[in-house]
Amino acid sequence: PINEFKEKVFKDLDSKGLLTPSFCERKTVDIDFLQSSVKDLLDHGFSDKMPTCWILEGIVMYLGEEKSSSLLRDVSDLSAVGSLMILNFFQGNPASDPDTMENL
C-alpha cells in the first residue's frame, strides 16, 4: 500500500510539471522481508552490475538483529561499486523491536 501511495504522489507531481526529470530508471518492488530476500530482486530485472541507490525506509527496526544483519549483508553483496544506501531507523521503542517484543 505505501508504494502505491508513493507512485500516486509521483504521478500527480509529474502531471503538474513539478517533478524534475530522473537521471536514471526508478523501479519499485514490493518485498516482504520476513518472507523474501533482496536477492530475489534478481528475478525482477535487478542488475548487480550497476550502481544502485538503496532506500531502506523504516525496515530494519522491525526485522530484528538477525534478519537486519542478513538484509544488510545481502544488500552489500548485490551492490556494485558506487552504490549508495539511505537507511533510517528508530531505536528505543521496545514495541518496534521483534527481538524484545516477547519481553513486554
PDB file of N, CA and C in Angstrom:
ATOM      1  N   PRO A   1       0.803  -1.215   0.000  1.00  0.00           N
ATOM      2  CA  PRO A   1       0.000   0.000   0.000  1.00  0.00           C
ATOM      3  C   PRO A   1       0.846   1.280   0.000  1.00  0.00           C
ATOM      4  N   ILE A   2       1.955   1.308   0.730  1.00  0.00           N
ATOM      5  CA  ILE A   2       2.745   2.539   0.801  1.00  0.00           C
ATOM      6  C   ILE A   2       3.392   2.861  -0.550  1.00  0.00           C
ATOM      7  N   ASN A   3       3.829   1.835  -1.265  1.00  0.00           N
ATOM      8  CA  ASN A   3       4.435   2.094  -2.573  1.00  0.00           C
ATOM      9  C   ASN A   3       3.399   2.572  -3.575  1.00  0.00           C
ATOM     10  N   GLU A   4       2.167   2.077  -3.471  1.00  0.00           N
ATOM     11  CA  GLU A   4       1.086   2.567  -4.341  1.00  0.00           C
ATOM     12  C   GLU A   4       0.838   4.044  -4.076  1.00  0.00           C
ATOM     13  N   PHE A   5       0.843   4.431  -2.803  1.00  0.00           N
ATOM     14  CA  PHE A   5       0.652   5.835  -2.432  1.00  0.00           C
ATOM     15  C   PHE A   5       1.785   6.692  -3.005  1.00  0.00           C
ATOM     16  N   LYS A   6       3.021   6.218  -2.856  1.00  0.00           N
ATOM     17  CA  LYS A   6       4.168   6.981  -3.368  1.00  0.00           C
ATOM     18  C   LYS A   6       4.097   7.124  -4.884  1.00  0.00           C
ATOM     19  N   GLU A   7       3.709   6.063  -5.579  1.00  0.00           N
ATOM     20  CA  GLU A   7       3.570   6.131  -7.035  1.00  0.00           C
ATOM     21  C   GLU A   7       2.529   7.178  -7.425  1.00  0.00           C
ATOM     22  N   LYS A   8       1.420   7.216  -6.692  1.00  0.00           N
ATOM     23  CA  LYS A   8       0.364   8.202  -6.960  1.00  0.00           C
ATOM     24  C   LYS A   8       0.892   9.622  -6.771  1.00  0.00           C
ATOM     25  N   VAL A   9       1.669   9.827  -5.727  1.00  0.00           N
ATOM     26  CA  VAL A   9       2.245  11.152  -5.472  1.00  0.00           C
ATOM     27  C   VAL A   9       3.181  11.546  -6.614  1.00  0.00           C
ATOM     28  N   PHE A  10       4.050  10.624  -7.040  1.00  0.00           N
ATOM     29  CA  PHE A  10       4.963  10.918  -8.148  1.00  0.00           C
ATOM     30  C   PHE A  10       4.191  11.249  -9.428  1.00  0.00           C
ATOM     31  N   LYS A  11       3.164  10.468  -9.745  1.00  0.00           N
ATOM     32  CA  LYS A  11       2.371  10.721 -10.959  1.00  0.00           C
ATOM     33  C   LYS A  11       1.668  12.068 -10.878  1.00  0.00           C
ATOM     34  N   ASP A  12       1.153  12.405  -9.705  1.00  0.00           N
ATOM     35  CA  ASP A  12       0.470  13.677  -9.509  1.00  0.00           C
ATOM     36  C   ASP A  12       1.449  14.838  -9.699  1.00  0.00           C
ATOM     37  N   LEU A  13       2.623  14.741  -9.095  1.00  0.00           N
ATOM     38  CA  LEU A  13       3.628  15.789  -9.252  1.00  0.00           C
ATOM     39  C   LEU A  13       4.064  15.915 -10.704  1.00  0.00           C
ATOM     40  N   ASP A  14       4.237  14.782 -11.375  1.00  0.00           N
ATOM     41  CA  ASP A  14       4.656  14.785 -12.772  1.00  0.00           C
ATOM     42  C   ASP A  14       3.592  15.429 -13.656  1.00  0.00           C
ATOM     43  N   SER A  15       2.326  15.096 -13.413  1.00  0.00           N
ATOM     44  CA  SER A  15       1.245  15.663 -14.229  1.00  0.00           C
ATOM     45  C   SER A  15       1.133  17.173 -14.056  1.00  0.00           C
ATOM     46  N   LYS A  16       1.595  17.694 -12.932  1.00  0.00           N
ATOM     47  CA  LYS A  16       1.563  19.144 -12.663  1.00  0.00           C
ATOM     48  C   LYS A  16       2.862  19.829 -13.072  1.00  0.00           C
ATOM     49  N   GLY A  17       3.816  19.041 -13.619  1.00  0.00           N
ATOM     50  CA  GLY A  17       5.088  19.610 -14.028  1.00  0.00           C
ATOM     51  C   GLY A  17       6.005  19.947 -12.864  1.00  0.00           C
ATOM     52  N   LEU A  18       5.757  19.352 -11.722  1.00  0.00           N
ATOM     53  CA  LEU A  18       6.533  19.663 -10.524  1.00  0.00           C
ATOM     54  C   LEU A  18       7.626  18.646 -10.218  1.00  0.00           C
ATOM     55  N   LEU A  19       7.751  17.650 -11.069  1.00  0.00           N
ATOM     56  CA  LEU A  19       8.744  16.602 -10.857  1.00  0.00           C
ATOM     57  C   LEU A  19       9.867  16.779 -11.873  1.00  0.00           C
ATOM     58  N   THR A  20      11.078  16.933 -11.383  1.00  0.00           N
ATOM     59  CA  THR A  20      12.198  17.081 -12.311  1.00  0.00           C
ATOM     60  C   THR A  20      12.495  15.741 -12.976  1.00  0.00           C
ATOM     61  N   PRO A  21      13.011  15.763 -14.180  1.00  0.00           N
ATOM     62  CA  PRO A  21      13.314  14.502 -14.879  1.00  0.00           C
ATOM     63  C   PRO A  21      14.339  13.676 -14.106  1.00  0.00           C
ATOM     64  N   SER A  22      14.173  12.365 -14.129  1.00  0.00           N
ATOM     65  CA  SER A  22      15.102  11.455 -13.455  1.00  0.00           C
ATOM     66  C   SER A  22      16.368  11.301 -14.276  1.00  0.00           C
ATOM     67  N   PHE A  23      17.463  11.072 -13.585  1.00  0.00           N
ATOM     68  CA  PHE A  23      18.733  10.795 -14.247  1.00  0.00           C
ATOM     69  C   PHE A  23      18.922   9.305 -14.474  1.00  0.00           C
ATOM     70  N   CYS A  24      18.053   8.521 -13.872  1.00  0.00           N
ATOM     71  CA  CYS A  24      18.156   7.068 -14.002  1.00  0.00           C
ATOM     72  C   CYS A  24      16.767   6.469 -13.850  1.00  0.00           C
ATOM     73  N   GLU A  25      16.664   5.190 -14.157  1.00  0.00           N
ATOM     74  CA  GLU A  25      15.384   4.492 -14.017  1.00  0.00           C
ATOM     75  C   GLU A  25      15.097   4.242 -12.545  1.00  0.00           C
ATOM     76  N   ARG A  26      13.870   4.494 -12.138  1.00  0.00           N
ATOM     77  CA  ARG A  26      13.426   4.219 -10.780  1.00  0.00           C
ATOM     78  C   ARG A  26      12.425   3.090 -10.856  1.00  0.00           C
ATOM     79  N   LYS A  27      12.685   2.033 -10.106  1.00  0.00           N
ATOM     80  CA  LYS A  27      11.780   0.894 -10.119  1.00  0.00           C
ATOM     81  C   LYS A  27      11.468   0.509  -8.680  1.00  0.00           C
ATOM     82  N   THR A  28      10.201   0.353  -8.397  1.00  0.00           N
ATOM     83  CA  THR A  28       9.750  -0.033  -7.067  1.00  0.00           C
ATOM     84  C   THR A  28       9.337  -1.491  -7.086  1.00  0.00           C
ATOM     85  N   VAL A  29       9.822  -2.240  -6.113  1.00  0.00           N
ATOM     86  CA  VAL A  29       9.458  -3.645  -5.968  1.00  0.00           C
ATOM     87  C   VAL A  29       9.020  -3.866  -4.530  1.00  0.00           C
ATOM     88  N   ASP A  30       7.808  -4.366  -4.354  1.00  0.00           N
ATOM     89  CA  ASP A  30       7.318  -4.682  -3.008  1.00  0.00           C
ATOM     90  C   ASP A  30       7.905  -6.006  -2.552  1.00  0.00           C
ATOM     91  N   ILE A  31       8.490  -6.006  -1.355  1.00  0.00           N
ATOM     92  CA  ILE A  31       9.069  -7.230  -0.798  1.00  0.00           C
ATOM     93  C   ILE A  31       8.658  -7.346   0.658  1.00  0.00           C
ATOM     94  N   ASP A  32       8.225  -8.516   1.040  1.00  0.00           N
ATOM     95  CA  ASP A  32       8.006  -8.832   2.452  1.00  0.00           C
ATOM     96  C   ASP A  32       9.314  -9.421   2.960  1.00  0.00           C
ATOM     97  N   PHE A  33      10.079  -8.629   3.697  1.00  0.00           N
ATOM     98  CA  PHE A  33      11.413  -9.050   4.117  1.00  0.00           C
ATOM     99  C   PHE A  33      11.396 -10.212   5.106  1.00  0.00           C
ATOM    100  N   LEU A  34      10.231 -10.542   5.640  1.00  0.00           N
ATOM    101  CA  LEU A  34      10.134 -11.719   6.508  1.00  0.00           C
ATOM    102  C   LEU A  34       9.971 -12.993   5.680  1.00  0.00           C
ATOM    103  N   GLN A  35       9.559 -12.839   4.411  1.00  0.00           N
ATOM    104  CA  GLN A  35       9.319 -13.985   3.542  1.00  0.00           C
ATOM    105  C   GLN A  35      10.330 -14.101   2.399  1.00  0.00           C
ATOM    106  N   SER A  36      10.931 -12.987   2.012  1.00  0.00           N
ATOM    107  CA  SER A  36      11.786 -12.957   0.831  1.00  0.00           C
ATOM    108  C   SER A  36      13.129 -12.341   1.171  1.00  0.00           C
ATOM    109  N   SER A  37      13.997 -12.337   0.194  1.00  0.00           N
ATOM    110  CA  SER A  37      15.328 -11.752   0.335  1.00  0.00           C
ATOM    111  C   SER A  37      15.524 -10.733  -0.771  1.00  0.00           C
ATOM    112  N   VAL A  38      16.377  -9.753  -0.518  1.00  0.00           N
ATOM    113  CA  VAL A  38      16.680  -8.803  -1.591  1.00  0.00           C
ATOM    114  C   VAL A  38      17.338  -9.515  -2.760  1.00  0.00           C
ATOM    115  N   LYS A  39      17.895 -10.679  -2.527  1.00  0.00           N
ATOM    116  CA  LYS A  39      18.471 -11.460  -3.627  1.00  0.00           C
ATOM    117  C   LYS A  39      17.398 -11.827  -4.651  1.00  0.00           C
ATOM    118  N   ASP A  40      16.124 -11.853  -4.222  1.00  0.00           N
ATOM    119  CA  ASP A  40      15.012 -12.124  -5.137  1.00  0.00           C
ATOM    120  C   ASP A  40      14.831 -11.010  -6.167  1.00  0.00           C
ATOM    121  N   LEU A  41      15.450  -9.850  -5.924  1.00  0.00           N
ATOM    122  CA  LEU A  41      15.367  -8.748  -6.883  1.00  0.00           C
ATOM    123  C   LEU A  41      15.964  -9.130  -8.235  1.00  0.00           C
ATOM    124  N   LEU A  42      16.895 -10.057  -8.229  1.00  0.00           N
ATOM    125  CA  LEU A  42      17.487 -10.525  -9.484  1.00  0.00           C
ATOM    126  C   LEU A  42      16.421 -11.119 -10.394  1.00  0.00           C
ATOM    127  N   ASP A  43      15.336 -11.645  -9.800  1.00  0.00           N
ATOM    128  CA  ASP A  43      14.220 -12.199 -10.581  1.00  0.00           C
ATOM    129  C   ASP A  43      13.295 -11.115 -11.131  1.00  0.00           C
ATOM    130  N   HIS A  44      13.523  -9.857 -10.723  1.00  0.00           N
ATOM    131  CA  HIS A  44      12.683  -8.732 -11.152  1.00  0.00           C
ATOM    132  C   HIS A  44      13.458  -7.771 -12.052  1.00  0.00           C
ATOM    133  N   GLY A  45      14.551  -8.258 -12.647  1.00  0.00           N
ATOM    134  CA  GLY A  45      15.307  -7.433 -13.579  1.00  0.00           C
ATOM    135  C   GLY A  45      16.407  -6.607 -12.946  1.00  0.00           C
ATOM    136  N   PHE A  46      16.654  -6.787 -11.668  1.00  0.00           N
ATOM    137  CA  PHE A  46      17.717  -6.044 -10.996  1.00  0.00           C
ATOM    138  C   PHE A  46      19.074  -6.497 -11.514  1.00  0.00           C
ATOM    139  N   SER A  47      19.978  -5.552 -11.700  1.00  0.00           N
ATOM    140  CA  SER A  47      21.342  -5.877 -12.136  1.00  0.00           C
ATOM    141  C   SER A  47      22.315  -5.508 -11.025  1.00  0.00           C
ATOM    142  N   ASP A  48      23.078  -6.479 -10.590  1.00  0.00           N
ATOM    143  CA  ASP A  48      24.091  -6.211  -9.564  1.00  0.00           C
ATOM    144  C   ASP A  48      25.382  -5.666 -10.182  1.00  0.00           C
ATOM    145  N   LYS A  49      25.329  -5.341 -11.454  1.00  0.00           N
ATOM    146  CA  LYS A  49      26.485  -4.769 -12.159  1.00  0.00           C
ATOM    147  C   LYS A  49      26.413  -3.240 -12.217  1.00  0.00           C
ATOM    148  N   MET A  50      25.235  -2.687 -11.917  1.00  0.00           N
ATOM    149  CA  MET A  50      25.034  -1.234 -11.982  1.00  0.00           C
ATOM    150  C   MET A  50      24.939  -0.667 -10.567  1.00  0.00           C
ATOM    151  N   PRO A  51      25.540   0.507 -10.339  1.00  0.00           N
ATOM    152  CA  PRO A  51      25.398   1.142  -9.022  1.00  0.00           C
ATOM    153  C   PRO A  51      23.926   1.385  -8.705  1.00  0.00           C
ATOM    154  N   THR A  52      23.581   1.184  -7.451  1.00  0.00           N
ATOM    155  CA  THR A  52      22.195   1.270  -7.007  1.00  0.00           C
ATOM    156  C   THR A  52      22.093   2.207  -5.818  1.00  0.00           C
ATOM    157  N   CYS A  53      21.008   2.925  -5.725  1.00  0.00           N
ATOM    158  CA  CYS A  53      20.702   3.694  -4.527  1.00  0.00           C
ATOM    159  C   CYS A  53      19.627   2.919  -3.781  1.00  0.00           C
ATOM    160  N   TRP A  54      20.011   2.283  -2.698  1.00  0.00           N
ATOM    161  CA  TRP A  54      19.076   1.512  -1.873  1.00  0.00           C
ATOM    162  C   TRP A  54      18.407   2.462  -0.897  1.00  0.00           C
ATOM    163  N   ILE A  55      17.095   2.438  -0.850  1.00  0.00           N
ATOM    164  CA  ILE A  55      16.353   3.257   0.107  1.00  0.00           C
ATOM    165  C   ILE A  55      15.615   2.306   1.035  1.00  0.00           C
ATOM    166  N   LEU A  56      16.125   2.180   2.248  1.00  0.00           N
ATOM    167  CA  LEU A  56      15.551   1.267   3.236  1.00  0.00           C
ATOM    168  C   LEU A  56      14.888   2.112   4.324  1.00  0.00           C
ATOM    169  N   GLU A  57      13.657   2.498   4.048  1.00  0.00           N
ATOM    170  CA  GLU A  57      12.923   3.361   4.971  1.00  0.00           C
ATOM    171  C   GLU A  57      12.106   2.530   5.947  1.00  0.00           C
ATOM    172  N   GLY A  58      12.389   2.695   7.227  1.00  0.00           N
ATOM    173  CA  GLY A  58      11.571   2.065   8.256  1.00  0.00           C
ATOM    174  C   GLY A  58      11.487   0.563   8.158  1.00  0.00           C
ATOM    175  N   ILE A  59      12.601  -0.087   7.864  1.00  0.00           N
ATOM    176  CA  ILE A  59      12.580  -1.536   7.691  1.00  0.00           C
ATOM    177  C   ILE A  59      13.322  -2.245   8.814  1.00  0.00           C
ATOM    178  N   VAL A  60      14.596  -1.887   8.987  1.00  0.00           N
ATOM    179  CA  VAL A  60      15.456  -2.688   9.872  1.00  0.00           C
ATOM    180  C   VAL A  60      14.959  -2.749  11.309  1.00  0.00           C
ATOM    181  N   MET A  61      14.291  -1.732  11.762  1.00  0.00           N
ATOM    182  CA  MET A  61      13.837  -1.726  13.159  1.00  0.00           C
ATOM    183  C   MET A  61      12.725  -2.737  13.416  1.00  0.00           C
ATOM    184  N   TYR A  62      12.109  -3.235  12.366  1.00  0.00           N
ATOM    185  CA  TYR A  62      11.038  -4.220  12.529  1.00  0.00           C
ATOM    186  C   TYR A  62      11.491  -5.648  12.244  1.00  0.00           C
ATOM    187  N   LEU A  63      12.711  -5.819  11.765  1.00  0.00           N
ATOM    188  CA  LEU A  63      13.183  -7.146  11.391  1.00  0.00           C
ATOM    189  C   LEU A  63      13.897  -7.887  12.513  1.00  0.00           C
ATOM    190  N   GLY A  64      14.431  -7.188  13.456  1.00  0.00           N
ATOM    191  CA  GLY A  64      15.235  -7.817  14.486  1.00  0.00           C
ATOM    192  C   GLY A  64      16.685  -7.887  14.040  1.00  0.00           C
ATOM    193  N   GLU A  65      17.567  -8.169  14.979  1.00  0.00           N
ATOM    194  CA  GLU A  65      19.004  -8.106  14.706  1.00  0.00           C
ATOM    195  C   GLU A  65      19.454  -9.111  13.636  1.00  0.00           C
ATOM    196  N   GLU A  66      19.032 -10.337  13.747  1.00  0.00           N
ATOM    197  CA  GLU A  66      19.490 -11.365  12.804  1.00  0.00           C
ATOM    198  C   GLU A  66      19.046 -11.073  11.373  1.00  0.00           C
ATOM    199  N   LYS A  67      17.762 -10.778  11.184  1.00  0.00           N
ATOM    200  CA  LYS A  67      17.253 -10.511   9.830  1.00  0.00           C
ATOM    201  C   LYS A  67      17.789  -9.184   9.280  1.00  0.00           C
ATOM    202  N   SER A  68      17.969  -8.193  10.156  1.00  0.00           N
ATOM    203  CA  SER A  68      18.548  -6.921   9.706  1.00  0.00           C
ATOM    204  C   SER A  68      19.981  -7.115   9.237  1.00  0.00           C
ATOM    205  N   SER A  69      20.762  -7.870   9.999  1.00  0.00           N
ATOM    206  CA  SER A  69      22.148  -8.144   9.602  1.00  0.00           C
ATOM    207  C   SER A  69      22.194  -8.897   8.277  1.00  0.00           C
ATOM    208  N   SER A  70      21.316  -9.860   8.115  1.00  0.00           N
ATOM    209  CA  SER A  70      21.241 -10.621   6.876  1.00  0.00           C
ATOM    210  C   SER A  70      20.871  -9.711   5.703  1.00  0.00           C
ATOM    211  N   LEU A  71      19.898  -8.839   5.910  1.00  0.00           N
ATOM    212  CA  LEU A  71      19.488  -7.893   4.867  1.00  0.00           C
ATOM    213  C   LEU A  71      20.664  -7.015   4.448  1.00  0.00           C
ATOM    214  N   LEU A  72      21.384  -6.471   5.408  1.00  0.00           N
ATOM    215  CA  LEU A  72      22.495  -5.585   5.082  1.00  0.00           C
ATOM    216  C   LEU A  72      23.625  -6.334   4.376  1.00  0.00           C
ATOM    217  N   ARG A  73      23.875  -7.571   4.759  1.00  0.00           N
ATOM    218  CA  ARG A  73      24.873  -8.389   4.051  1.00  0.00           C
ATOM    219  C   ARG A  73      24.438  -8.639   2.609  1.00  0.00           C
ATOM    220  N   ASP A  74      23.158  -8.990   2.423  1.00  0.00           N
ATOM    221  CA  ASP A  74      22.644  -9.251   1.071  1.00  0.00           C
ATOM    222  C   ASP A  74      22.715  -8.004   0.202  1.00  0.00           C
ATOM    223  N   VAL A  75      22.353  -6.856   0.766  1.00  0.00           N
ATOM    224  CA  VAL A  75      22.424  -5.595   0.023  1.00  0.00           C
ATOM    225  C   VAL A  75      23.878  -5.317  -0.371  1.00  0.00           C
ATOM    226  N   SER A  76      24.780  -5.539   0.555  1.00  0.00           N
ATOM    227  CA  SER A  76      26.201  -5.332   0.260  1.00  0.00           C
ATOM    228  C   SER A  76      26.657  -6.258  -0.871  1.00  0.00           C
ATOM    229  N   ASP A  77      26.239  -7.519  -0.814  1.00  0.00           N
ATOM    230  CA  ASP A  77      26.622  -8.489  -1.858  1.00  0.00           C
ATOM    231  C   ASP A  77      26.089  -8.093  -3.233  1.00  0.00           C
ATOM    232  N   LEU A  78      24.927  -7.455  -3.275  1.00  0.00           N
ATOM    233  CA  LEU A  78      24.298  -7.084  -4.545  1.00  0.00           C
ATOM    234  C   LEU A  78      24.712  -5.700  -5.046  1.00  0.00           C
ATOM    235  N   SER A  79      25.506  -4.992  -4.261  1.00  0.00           N
ATOM    236  CA  SER A  79      25.834  -3.606  -4.592  1.00  0.00           C
ATOM    237  C   SER A  79      27.108  -3.500  -5.413  1.00  0.00           C
ATOM    238  N   ALA A  80      26.968  -2.898  -6.581  1.00  0.00           N
ATOM    239  CA  ALA A  80      28.130  -2.618  -7.422  1.00  0.00           C
ATOM    240  C   ALA A  80      28.903  -1.441  -6.831  1.00  0.00           C
ATOM    241  N   VAL A  81      30.122  -1.284  -7.238  1.00  0.00           N
ATOM    242  CA  VAL A  81      30.923  -0.139  -6.822  1.00  0.00           C
ATOM    243  C   VAL A  81      30.170   1.140  -7.174  1.00  0.00           C
ATOM    244  N   GLY A  82      30.130   2.074  -6.245  1.00  0.00           N
ATOM    245  CA  GLY A  82      29.423   3.326  -6.463  1.00  0.00           C
ATOM    246  C   GLY A  82      28.002   3.336  -5.940  1.00  0.00           C
ATOM    247  N   SER A  83      27.535   2.220  -5.397  1.00  0.00           N
ATOM    248  CA  SER A  83      26.175   2.151  -4.846  1.00  0.00           C
ATOM    249  C   SER A  83      26.084   2.947  -3.548  1.00  0.00           C
ATOM    250  N   LEU A  84      24.875   3.375  -3.231  1.00  0.00           N
ATOM    251  CA  LEU A  84      24.601   4.140  -2.012  1.00  0.00           C
ATOM    252  C   LEU A  84      23.459   3.480  -1.257  1.00  0.00           C
ATOM    253  N   MET A  85      23.403   3.740   0.047  1.00  0.00           N
ATOM    254  CA  MET A  85      22.278   3.257   0.849  1.00  0.00           C
ATOM    255  C   MET A  85      21.756   4.405   1.703  1.00  0.00           C
ATOM    256  N   ILE A  86      20.449   4.581   1.667  1.00  0.00           N
ATOM    257  CA  ILE A  86      19.771   5.518   2.555  1.00  0.00           C
ATOM    258  C   ILE A  86      18.996   4.651   3.537  1.00  0.00           C
ATOM    259  N   LEU A  87      19.324   4.779   4.806  1.00  0.00           N
ATOM    260  CA  LEU A  87      18.762   3.904   5.829  1.00  0.00           C
ATOM    261  C   LEU A  87      18.274   4.762   6.974  1.00  0.00           C
ATOM    262  N   ASN A  88      17.042   4.535   7.388  1.00  0.00           N
ATOM    263  CA  ASN A  88      16.584   5.193   8.602  1.00  0.00           C
ATOM    264  C   ASN A  88      16.009   4.146   9.539  1.00  0.00           C
ATOM    265  N   PHE A  89      16.098   4.437  10.814  1.00  0.00           N
ATOM    266  CA  PHE A  89      15.580   3.515  11.817  1.00  0.00           C
ATOM    267  C   PHE A  89      15.285   4.290  13.082  1.00  0.00           C
ATOM    268  N   PHE A  90      14.544   3.684  13.949  1.00  0.00           N
ATOM    269  CA  PHE A  90      14.213   4.251  15.245  1.00  0.00           C
ATOM    270  C   PHE A  90      14.634   3.244  16.294  1.00  0.00           C
ATOM    271  N   GLN A  91      15.386   3.703  17.259  1.00  0.00           N
ATOM    272  CA  GLN A  91      15.828   2.812  18.320  1.00  0.00           C
ATOM    273  C   GLN A  91      15.304   3.354  19.638  1.00  0.00           C
ATOM    274  N   GLY A  92      14.865   2.479  20.482  1.00  0.00           N
ATOM    275  CA  GLY A  92      14.425   2.918  21.796  1.00  0.00           C
ATOM    276  C   GLY A  92      12.998   2.535  22.129  1.00  0.00           C
ATOM    277  N   ASN A  93      12.228   2.102  21.155  1.00  0.00           N
ATOM    278  CA  ASN A  93      10.859   1.688  21.414  1.00  0.00           C
ATOM    279  C   ASN A  93      10.804   0.166  21.361  1.00  0.00           C
ATOM    280  N   PRO A  94      10.719  -0.506  22.519  1.00  0.00           N
ATOM    281  CA  PRO A  94      10.722  -1.968  22.510  1.00  0.00           C
ATOM    282  C   PRO A  94       9.562  -2.567  21.713  1.00  0.00           C
ATOM    283  N   ALA A  95       8.490  -1.833  21.529  1.00  0.00           N
ATOM    284  CA  ALA A  95       7.350  -2.355  20.786  1.00  0.00           C
ATOM    285  C   ALA A  95       7.651  -2.509  19.303  1.00  0.00           C
ATOM    286  N   SER A  96       8.692  -1.815  18.808  1.00  0.00           N
ATOM    287  CA  SER A  96       9.038  -1.933  17.393  1.00  0.00           C
ATOM    288  C   SER A  96      10.192  -2.908  17.165  1.00  0.00           C
ATOM    289  N   ASP A  97      10.676  -3.543  18.221  1.00  0.00           N
ATOM    290  CA  ASP A  97      11.801  -4.457  18.097  1.00  0.00           C
ATOM    291  C   ASP A  97      11.335  -5.892  18.326  1.00  0.00           C
ATOM    292  N   PRO A  98      11.307  -6.698  17.248  1.00  0.00           N
ATOM    293  CA  PRO A  98      10.804  -8.072  17.408  1.00  0.00           C
ATOM    294  C   PRO A  98      11.650  -8.917  18.342  1.00  0.00           C
ATOM    295  N   ASP A  99      12.921  -8.527  18.578  1.00  0.00           N
ATOM    296  CA  ASP A  99      13.767  -9.284  19.481  1.00  0.00           C
ATOM    297  C   ASP A  99      13.386  -9.073  20.948  1.00  0.00           C
ATOM    298  N   THR A 100      12.691  -7.959  21.244  1.00  0.00           N
ATOM    299  CA  THR A 100      12.317  -7.701  22.634  1.00  0.00           C
ATOM    300  C   THR A 100      10.811  -7.748  22.872  1.00  0.00           C
ATOM    301  N   MET A 101      10.030  -7.911  21.807  1.00  0.00           N
ATOM    302  CA  MET A 101       8.561  -7.925  21.947  1.00  0.00           C
ATOM    303  C   MET A 101       8.088  -8.954  22.963  1.00  0.00           C
ATOM    304  N   GLU A 102       8.721 -10.108  22.977  1.00  0.00           N
ATOM    305  CA  GLU A 102       8.273 -11.181  23.874  1.00  0.00           C
ATOM    306  C   GLU A 102       8.504 -10.831  25.335  1.00  0.00           C
ATOM    307  N   ASN A 103       9.368  -9.840  25.607  1.00  0.00           N
ATOM    308  CA  ASN A 103       9.672  -9.473  26.990  1.00  0.00           C
ATOM    309  C   ASN A 103       8.758  -8.367  27.507  1.00  0.00           C
ATOM    310  N   LEU A 104       7.890  -7.852  26.668  1.00  0.00           N
ATOM    311  CA  LEU A 104       6.990  -6.769  27.108  1.00  0.00           C
ATOM    312  C   LEU A 104       5.881  -7.289  27.987  1.00  0.00           C
TER     313      LEU A 104
END
